[in-house]
Amino acid sequence: MPLLPHASASRVVVVTGGSRGFGAAIVQRFAREGCKVIVLDLEAGDEHDNVHYQKADVTKRASWEEALVFAETTYGRLDVVVNNAGITFDNALVHTKTMYEYDKTFDVNVRPVFLSAQVIAPFMLQQGHGVFVNITSTGFTRPRAGFAIYNASKAAVAIATKTMAMEYAPTIRFNGIAPSVGNTSMLQASLGQNEAERAERLKKVTALLPMQRLCEPDDVANAAWFLASEESSFMTGTIMDVDGGRGV
């Protein structure tokens, strides 16, 4: 059977923060399925037939406008946006945190969710279909001490996702993925500098997960593929836990 114009494997997809971690795995999964992937990242990456890198600051509206122009002029469509880019800072009590850390965390983790919708949702409405997949965290439902700012930013992503799902249904679907602690460079950055303390913190974090392992990038990529595909066509406003049982 020939692919429909909106079939999953023929889609044009934007992925933010796609040069490493969860984002890189998401890019690889969509490209492997035959999608055209536009990667928005501060870092460059290896391009091939299905992957185009656009050096971009996703906290800036202009970067989203450039991505939309590229998708429209090159492919004539834009079907999926995966808002994956995110940051966190060292584990520490709130009173030791700076307002720079607060502003930066919300700017990177939350602002692109709104900017992407403001720029791309009108195009998808006219196109007649579209999907957003926003990466949040189990930190908004099962928070760990020391990450109040990060957890709050991910809670904002989750509720924005659910609200926009209501606003744009039935034409555009909005869903989210809530990974548990991931085996990524972000985790390494959050564990601190002392090697002994890092090992102890990692041991404690892993012990919290019933599956007794960290969330791997491919775990999140598989969920993103499902939520962007027609297999989840009746799902919107859902935050899918990919957490090894952390939320049970």
Protein backbone atom coordinates (compact mmCIF):
# COMPACT_ATOMS: atom_id res chain seq x y z
CA MET A 1 0.00 0.00 0.00
CA PRO A 2 1.48 3.42 -0.92
CA LEU A 3 2.19 5.88 1.86
CA LEU A 4 -0.41 8.51 2.46
CA PRO A 5 0.82 12.13 2.23
CA HIS A 6 0.82 12.30 6.04
CA ALA A 7 2.08 8.78 6.72
CA SER A 8 4.65 8.44 9.47
CA ALA A 9 7.63 7.32 7.41
CA SER A 10 7.35 10.20 4.92
CA ARG A 11 7.13 12.97 7.49
CA VAL A 12 9.23 16.09 7.87
CA VAL A 13 10.36 16.48 11.45
CA VAL A 14 12.07 19.20 13.48
CA VAL A 15 14.09 18.03 16.49
CA THR A 16 15.73 20.45 18.90
CA GLY A 17 18.91 19.61 20.78
CA GLY A 18 19.55 16.78 18.37
CA SER A 19 23.34 16.56 18.50
CA ARG A 20 23.59 14.41 21.63
CA GLY A 21 21.71 12.41 24.24
CA PHE A 22 17.99 11.85 23.83
CA GLY A 23 17.90 14.24 20.86
CA ALA A 24 20.54 12.38 18.86
CA ALA A 25 18.71 9.09 19.37
CA ILE A 26 15.42 10.70 18.30
CA VAL A 27 17.05 12.07 15.14
CA GLN A 28 18.53 8.69 14.31
CA ARG A 29 15.23 6.87 14.85
CA PHE A 30 13.20 9.21 12.64
CA ALA A 31 15.85 9.27 9.94
CA ARG A 32 16.08 5.48 9.99
CA GLU A 33 12.32 5.32 9.43
CA GLY A 34 12.69 7.46 6.31
CA CYS A 35 11.65 10.85 7.69
CA LYS A 36 13.35 14.08 6.69
CA VAL A 37 14.79 15.52 9.91
CA ILE A 38 15.71 19.15 10.51
CA VAL A 39 17.93 19.41 13.59
CA LEU A 40 18.00 22.71 15.48
CA ASP A 41 21.04 22.88 17.73
CA LEU A 42 23.82 25.17 18.86
CA GLU A 43 26.24 22.48 17.65
CA ALA A 44 26.72 21.15 14.15
CA GLY A 45 26.34 17.49 13.33
CA ASP A 46 26.86 14.94 10.57
CA GLU A 47 24.42 15.52 7.74
CA HIS A 48 23.17 12.89 5.34
CA ASP A 49 20.28 12.48 2.93
CA ASN A 50 17.62 12.47 5.64
CA VAL A 51 19.18 14.87 8.17
CA HIS A 52 19.80 18.61 7.87
CA TYR A 53 21.46 20.56 10.69
CA GLN A 54 20.51 24.17 11.28
CA LYS A 55 22.66 26.02 13.79
CA ALA A 56 20.01 27.65 15.92
CA ASP A 57 19.12 29.14 19.26
CA VAL A 58 15.68 27.71 19.94
CA THR A 59 14.97 30.44 22.50
CA LYS A 60 14.84 32.90 19.58
CA ARG A 61 11.78 33.26 17.37
CA ALA A 62 13.96 33.82 14.31
CA SER A 63 15.39 30.29 14.57
CA TRP A 64 11.91 28.80 14.42
CA GLU A 65 10.94 31.01 11.50
CA GLU A 66 14.06 29.92 9.61
CA ALA A 67 13.26 26.27 10.28
CA LEU A 68 9.73 26.68 8.97
CA VAL A 69 10.93 28.47 5.84
CA PHE A 70 13.48 25.71 5.17
CA ALA A 71 10.89 22.96 5.65
CA GLU A 72 8.31 24.67 3.48
CA THR A 73 10.65 25.61 0.63
CA THR A 74 12.59 22.33 0.66
CA TYR A 75 9.88 19.76 1.39
CA GLY A 76 6.61 21.66 1.14
CA ARG A 77 5.49 20.46 4.56
CA LEU A 78 6.32 20.18 8.26
CA ASP A 79 4.60 17.41 10.16
CA VAL A 80 6.27 16.94 13.55
CA VAL A 81 8.11 19.07 16.09
CA VAL A 82 10.04 17.39 18.90
CA ASN A 83 11.00 19.90 21.59
CA ASN A 84 13.88 18.07 23.23
CA ALA A 85 16.49 20.73 24.04
CA GLY A 86 16.93 21.28 27.76
CA ILE A 87 19.39 22.13 30.51
CA THR A 88 19.84 21.76 34.24
CA PHE A 89 22.35 22.88 36.84
CA ASP A 90 24.09 21.23 39.78
CA ASN A 91 22.05 19.62 42.52
CA ALA A 92 21.65 22.32 45.22
CA LEU A 93 19.14 23.87 47.61
CA VAL A 94 16.99 26.70 46.28
CA HIS A 95 18.51 29.37 48.53
CA THR A 96 21.92 28.71 46.96
CA LYS A 97 20.64 29.11 43.41
CA THR A 98 21.04 32.29 41.37
CA MET A 99 18.41 34.06 39.33
CA TYR A 100 20.66 33.48 36.32
CA GLU A 101 20.15 29.73 36.78
CA TYR A 102 16.40 30.25 37.15
CA ASP A 103 16.13 32.45 34.05
CA LYS A 104 18.37 30.24 31.93
CA THR A 105 16.54 27.04 32.88
CA PHE A 106 13.11 28.41 32.04
CA ASP A 107 14.40 30.13 28.92
CA VAL A 108 15.81 26.92 27.45
CA ASN A 109 13.33 24.38 28.80
CA VAL A 110 10.03 26.24 28.44
CA ARG A 111 10.30 29.15 26.02
CA PRO A 112 10.84 26.99 22.88
CA VAL A 113 7.63 25.06 23.60
CA PHE A 114 5.68 28.29 23.21
CA LEU A 115 7.77 29.73 20.37
CA SER A 116 7.49 26.56 18.29
CA ALA A 117 3.72 26.58 18.62
CA GLN A 118 3.44 30.28 17.86
CA VAL A 119 5.47 29.94 14.66
CA ILE A 120 4.57 26.47 13.40
CA ALA A 121 1.02 25.78 14.63
CA PRO A 122 -0.54 28.26 12.14
CA PHE A 123 1.23 26.45 9.29
CA MET A 124 0.04 23.07 10.56
CA LEU A 125 -3.52 24.33 10.90
CA GLN A 126 -3.46 25.41 7.28
CA GLN A 127 -1.76 22.15 6.30
CA GLY A 128 -4.50 20.21 8.08
CA HIS A 129 -2.40 18.09 10.42
CA GLY A 130 0.60 18.17 12.74
CA VAL A 131 2.15 16.73 15.88
CA PHE A 132 4.20 18.21 18.71
CA VAL A 133 6.14 15.98 21.11
CA ASN A 134 7.56 17.83 24.11
CA ILE A 135 10.16 16.25 26.37
CA THR A 136 9.39 16.87 30.02
CA SER A 137 10.60 14.78 33.00
CA THR A 138 9.42 12.60 35.84
CA GLY A 139 10.81 15.43 37.94
CA PHE A 140 7.49 17.24 37.68
CA THR A 141 5.57 14.37 39.32
CA ARG A 142 8.27 12.63 41.36
CA PRO A 143 10.76 15.42 42.13
CA ARG A 144 14.24 14.87 43.48
CA ALA A 145 15.56 17.31 46.06
CA GLY A 146 18.05 19.83 44.73
CA PHE A 147 16.33 20.34 41.38
CA ALA A 148 13.41 22.62 42.25
CA ILE A 149 14.02 25.01 39.35
CA TYR A 150 14.48 22.25 36.79
CA ASN A 151 11.46 20.33 38.07
CA ALA A 152 9.31 23.46 37.95
CA SER A 153 10.36 24.14 34.37
CA LYS A 154 9.41 20.61 33.34
CA ALA A 155 6.05 20.95 35.09
CA ALA A 156 5.47 24.04 32.94
CA VAL A 157 6.27 22.03 29.81
CA ALA A 158 3.79 19.33 30.82
CA ILE A 159 0.87 21.64 31.55
CA ALA A 160 1.56 23.72 28.44
CA THR A 161 1.46 20.51 26.40
CA LYS A 162 -1.86 19.46 27.88
CA THR A 163 -3.39 22.91 27.42
CA MET A 164 -2.30 23.26 23.80
CA ALA A 165 -3.65 19.78 23.11
CA MET A 166 -7.07 21.15 24.02
CA GLU A 167 -6.56 24.38 22.08
CA TYR A 168 -5.51 22.80 18.79
CA ALA A 169 -7.53 19.58 18.66
CA PRO A 170 -8.52 17.93 16.44
CA THR A 171 -6.03 19.23 13.85
CA ILE A 172 -2.76 19.22 15.82
CA ARG A 173 -1.83 16.70 18.48
CA PHE A 174 0.35 17.64 21.47
CA ASN A 175 1.88 14.94 23.64
CA GLY A 176 4.83 14.69 25.98
CA ILE A 177 7.41 12.21 27.20
CA ALA A 178 8.52 12.11 30.83
CA PRO A 179 11.79 10.20 31.07
CA SER A 180 13.33 9.21 34.37
CA VAL A 181 17.00 10.00 34.90
CA GLY A 182 18.68 9.49 31.56
CA ASN A 183 22.08 8.13 30.66
CA THR A 184 23.14 11.42 29.04
CA SER A 185 25.66 14.23 29.39
CA MET A 186 23.00 16.26 31.25
CA LEU A 187 22.99 13.64 33.99
CA GLN A 188 26.77 13.77 34.24
CA ALA A 189 26.65 17.56 34.53
CA SER A 190 24.09 17.39 37.34
CA LEU A 191 26.06 14.94 39.48
CA GLY A 192 28.73 17.45 40.46
CA GLN A 193 32.51 17.43 40.17
CA ASN A 194 33.67 15.18 43.02
CA GLU A 195 34.16 11.67 41.65
CA ALA A 196 33.20 9.83 44.85
CA GLU A 197 30.08 11.94 45.32
CA ARG A 198 29.14 11.44 41.66
CA ALA A 199 29.32 7.67 42.02
CA GLU A 200 27.27 7.69 45.21
CA ARG A 201 24.59 9.97 43.73
CA LEU A 202 24.35 7.79 40.61
CA LYS A 203 23.95 4.69 42.76
CA LYS A 204 21.12 6.33 44.74
CA VAL A 205 19.36 7.52 41.60
CA THR A 206 19.50 4.09 39.96
CA ALA A 207 18.17 2.48 43.13
CA LEU A 208 15.00 4.59 42.82
CA LEU A 209 14.11 2.90 39.52
CA PRO A 210 12.30 -0.45 39.74
CA MET A 211 13.92 -1.51 36.45
CA GLN A 212 17.32 -0.90 38.10
CA ARG A 213 18.81 0.92 35.13
CA LEU A 214 18.95 4.43 33.72
CA CYS A 215 16.70 5.60 30.91
CA GLU A 216 18.64 5.14 27.67
CA PRO A 217 18.32 7.56 24.73
CA ASP A 218 16.75 4.84 22.57
CA ASP A 219 13.97 4.40 25.15
CA VAL A 220 12.94 8.00 24.60
CA ALA A 221 13.43 7.83 20.82
CA ASN A 222 11.09 4.84 20.58
CA ALA A 223 8.41 6.71 22.53
CA ALA A 224 8.84 9.81 20.38
CA TRP A 225 8.42 7.75 17.22
CA PHE A 226 5.22 6.21 18.54
CA LEU A 227 3.72 9.55 19.61
CA ALA A 228 4.52 11.11 16.24
CA SER A 229 3.13 8.20 14.25
CA GLU A 230 -0.37 7.34 13.13
CA GLU A 231 -0.33 4.53 15.67
CA SER A 232 -1.07 7.14 18.35
CA SER A 233 -3.59 9.09 16.27
CA PHE A 234 -6.20 9.12 19.07
CA MET A 235 -3.73 10.34 21.69
CA THR A 236 -3.38 14.01 22.56
CA GLY A 237 -2.63 15.75 25.84
CA THR A 238 -0.87 12.63 27.11
CA ILE A 239 2.39 12.67 29.04
CA MET A 240 3.95 9.25 28.51
CA ASP A 241 6.18 8.03 31.33
CA VAL A 242 9.37 6.38 30.11
CA ASP A 243 10.69 5.90 33.59
CA GLY A 244 11.45 2.28 34.41
CA GLY A 245 8.55 2.23 36.87
CA ARG A 246 9.65 5.35 38.77
CA GLY A 247 6.12 6.78 38.81
CA VAL A 248 4.35 3.66 40.05
